[in-house]
């Protein structure tokens, strides 16, 4: 996960959609499992905790990716 991520919005975007220079974290996890993040496990875990909390709160408000009515703002 790139260290240049400063805001929660940037972290969320990197996690789900990626950027020009970095593929999405979800995609990397699906393709490579834990092997891609073995050297950066602590940074990944902190980022994942933040993303999980955002997803949890948005599901409470029925705005999460797992909710049938979810729409991206992109």
C-alpha atoms as a PDB file:
ATOM      1  CA  UNK A   1       0.000   0.000   0.000  1.00  0.00           C
ATOM      2  CA  UNK A   2       1.504   3.347  -0.960  1.00  0.00           C
ATOM      3  CA  UNK A   3       2.749   5.524   1.896  1.00  0.00           C
ATOM      4  CA  UNK A   4       1.684   8.728   0.147  1.00  0.00           C
ATOM      5  CA  UNK A   5      -1.948   8.179   1.223  1.00  0.00           C
ATOM      6  CA  UNK A   6      -2.869  11.090   3.497  1.00  0.00           C
ATOM      7  CA  UNK A   7      -6.667  11.210   3.747  1.00  0.00           C
ATOM      8  CA  UNK A   8      -9.269   8.597   4.548  1.00  0.00           C
ATOM      9  CA  UNK A   9     -10.798   9.243   1.112  1.00  0.00           C
ATOM     10  CA  UNK A  10      -7.495   8.416  -0.582  1.00  0.00           C
ATOM     11  CA  UNK A  11      -7.156   5.279   1.522  1.00  0.00           C
ATOM     12  CA  UNK A  12     -10.667   4.165   0.573  1.00  0.00           C
ATOM     13  CA  UNK A  13      -9.984   4.782  -3.125  1.00  0.00           C
ATOM     14  CA  UNK A  14      -6.684   2.845  -3.035  1.00  0.00           C
ATOM     15  CA  UNK A  15      -8.443   0.007  -1.266  1.00  0.00           C
ATOM     16  CA  UNK A  16     -11.305  -0.408  -3.738  1.00  0.00           C
ATOM     17  CA  UNK A  17     -10.290   1.173  -7.049  1.00  0.00           C
ATOM     18  CA  UNK A  18      -6.538   1.703  -6.905  1.00  0.00           C
ATOM     19  CA  UNK A  19      -4.668   4.498  -8.653  1.00  0.00           C
ATOM     20  CA  UNK A  20      -2.590   4.980 -11.767  1.00  0.00           C
ATOM     21  CA  UNK A  21       0.535   3.712 -10.032  1.00  0.00           C
ATOM     22  CA  UNK A  22      -0.985   1.212  -7.582  1.00  0.00           C
ATOM     23  CA  UNK A  23      -3.674  -1.442  -8.143  1.00  0.00           C
ATOM     24  CA  UNK A  24      -6.541  -1.798  -5.680  1.00  0.00           C
ATOM     25  CA  UNK A  25      -5.790  -3.505  -2.384  1.00  0.00           C
ATOM     26  CA  UNK A  26      -8.868  -5.695  -2.828  1.00  0.00           C
ATOM     27  CA  UNK A  27      -7.583  -6.792  -6.249  1.00  0.00           C
ATOM     28  CA  UNK A  28      -4.118  -7.538  -4.905  1.00  0.00           C
ATOM     29  CA  UNK A  29      -5.596  -9.590  -2.068  1.00  0.00           C
ATOM     30  CA  UNK A  30      -7.762 -11.566  -4.512  1.00  0.00           C
ATOM     31  CA  UNK A  31      -4.868 -12.261  -6.892  1.00  0.00           C
ATOM     32  CA  UNK A  32      -1.929 -12.704  -4.529  1.00  0.00           C
ATOM     33  CA  UNK A  33      -3.298 -13.279  -1.048  1.00  0.00           C
ATOM     34  CA  UNK A  34      -1.050 -12.107   1.779  1.00  0.00           C
ATOM     35  CA  UNK A  35       2.229 -12.503  -0.123  1.00  0.00           C
ATOM     36  CA  UNK A  36       2.233  -8.965  -1.605  1.00  0.00           C
ATOM     37  CA  UNK A  37       1.931  -7.304   1.826  1.00  0.00           C
ATOM     38  CA  UNK A  38       4.337  -9.433   3.863  1.00  0.00           C
ATOM     39  CA  UNK A  39       6.915  -6.639   4.121  1.00  0.00           C
ATOM     40  CA  UNK A  40       4.343  -3.995   5.059  1.00  0.00           C
ATOM     41  CA  UNK A  41       1.938  -5.922   7.292  1.00  0.00           C
ATOM     42  CA  UNK A  42       1.548  -3.320  10.068  1.00  0.00           C
ATOM     43  CA  UNK A  43       0.752  -0.457   7.676  1.00  0.00           C
ATOM     44  CA  UNK A  44      -1.708  -2.690   5.811  1.00  0.00           C
ATOM     45  CA  UNK A  45      -3.435  -3.762   9.041  1.00  0.00           C
ATOM     46  CA  UNK A  46      -3.945  -0.176  10.217  1.00  0.00           C
ATOM     47  CA  UNK A  47      -5.362   0.792   6.824  1.00  0.00           C
ATOM     48  CA  UNK A  48      -7.618  -2.255   6.823  1.00  0.00           C
ATOM     49  CA  UNK A  49      -8.989  -1.365  10.272  1.00  0.00           C
ATOM     50  CA  UNK A  50      -9.904   2.101   8.993  1.00  0.00           C
ATOM     51  CA  UNK A  51     -11.573   0.705   5.868  1.00  0.00           C
ATOM     52  CA  UNK A  52     -13.494  -1.903   7.870  1.00  0.00           C
ATOM     53  CA  UNK A  53     -14.820   0.810  10.184  1.00  0.00           C
ATOM     54  CA  UNK A  54     -15.881   2.976   7.231  1.00  0.00           C
ATOM     55  CA  UNK A  55     -17.673  -0.011   5.689  1.00  0.00           C
ATOM     56  CA  UNK A  56     -19.322  -0.862   9.009  1.00  0.00           C
ATOM     57  CA  UNK A  57     -20.589   2.689   9.506  1.00  0.00           C
ATOM     58  CA  UNK A  58     -21.786   3.025   5.932  1.00  0.00           C
ATOM     59  CA  UNK A  59     -23.670  -0.277   6.205  1.00  0.00           C
ATOM     60  CA  UNK A  60     -25.377   1.077   9.305  1.00  0.00           C
ATOM     61  CA  UNK A  61     -26.443   4.005   7.127  1.00  0.00           C
ATOM     62  CA  UNK A  62     -27.280   1.651   4.210  1.00  0.00           C
ATOM     63  CA  UNK A  63     -24.590   3.121   1.945  1.00  0.00           C
ATOM     64  CA  UNK A  64     -22.117   0.263   1.781  1.00  0.00           C
ATOM     65  CA  UNK A  65     -20.884  -1.796  -1.126  1.00  0.00           C
ATOM     66  CA  UNK A  66     -22.699  -4.832   0.267  1.00  0.00           C
ATOM     67  CA  UNK A  67     -26.048  -3.005   0.327  1.00  0.00           C
ATOM     68  CA  UNK A  68     -28.260  -3.535  -2.773  1.00  0.00           C
ATOM     69  CA  UNK A  69     -28.843   0.210  -3.278  1.00  0.00           C
ATOM     70  CA  UNK A  70     -25.150   1.202  -3.212  1.00  0.00           C
ATOM     71  CA  UNK A  71     -24.032   3.655  -5.909  1.00  0.00           C
ATOM     72  CA  UNK A  72     -20.514   4.954  -6.381  1.00  0.00           C
ATOM     73  CA  UNK A  73     -19.922   8.685  -6.538  1.00  0.00           C
ATOM     74  CA  UNK A  74     -17.173   8.317  -9.183  1.00  0.00           C
END
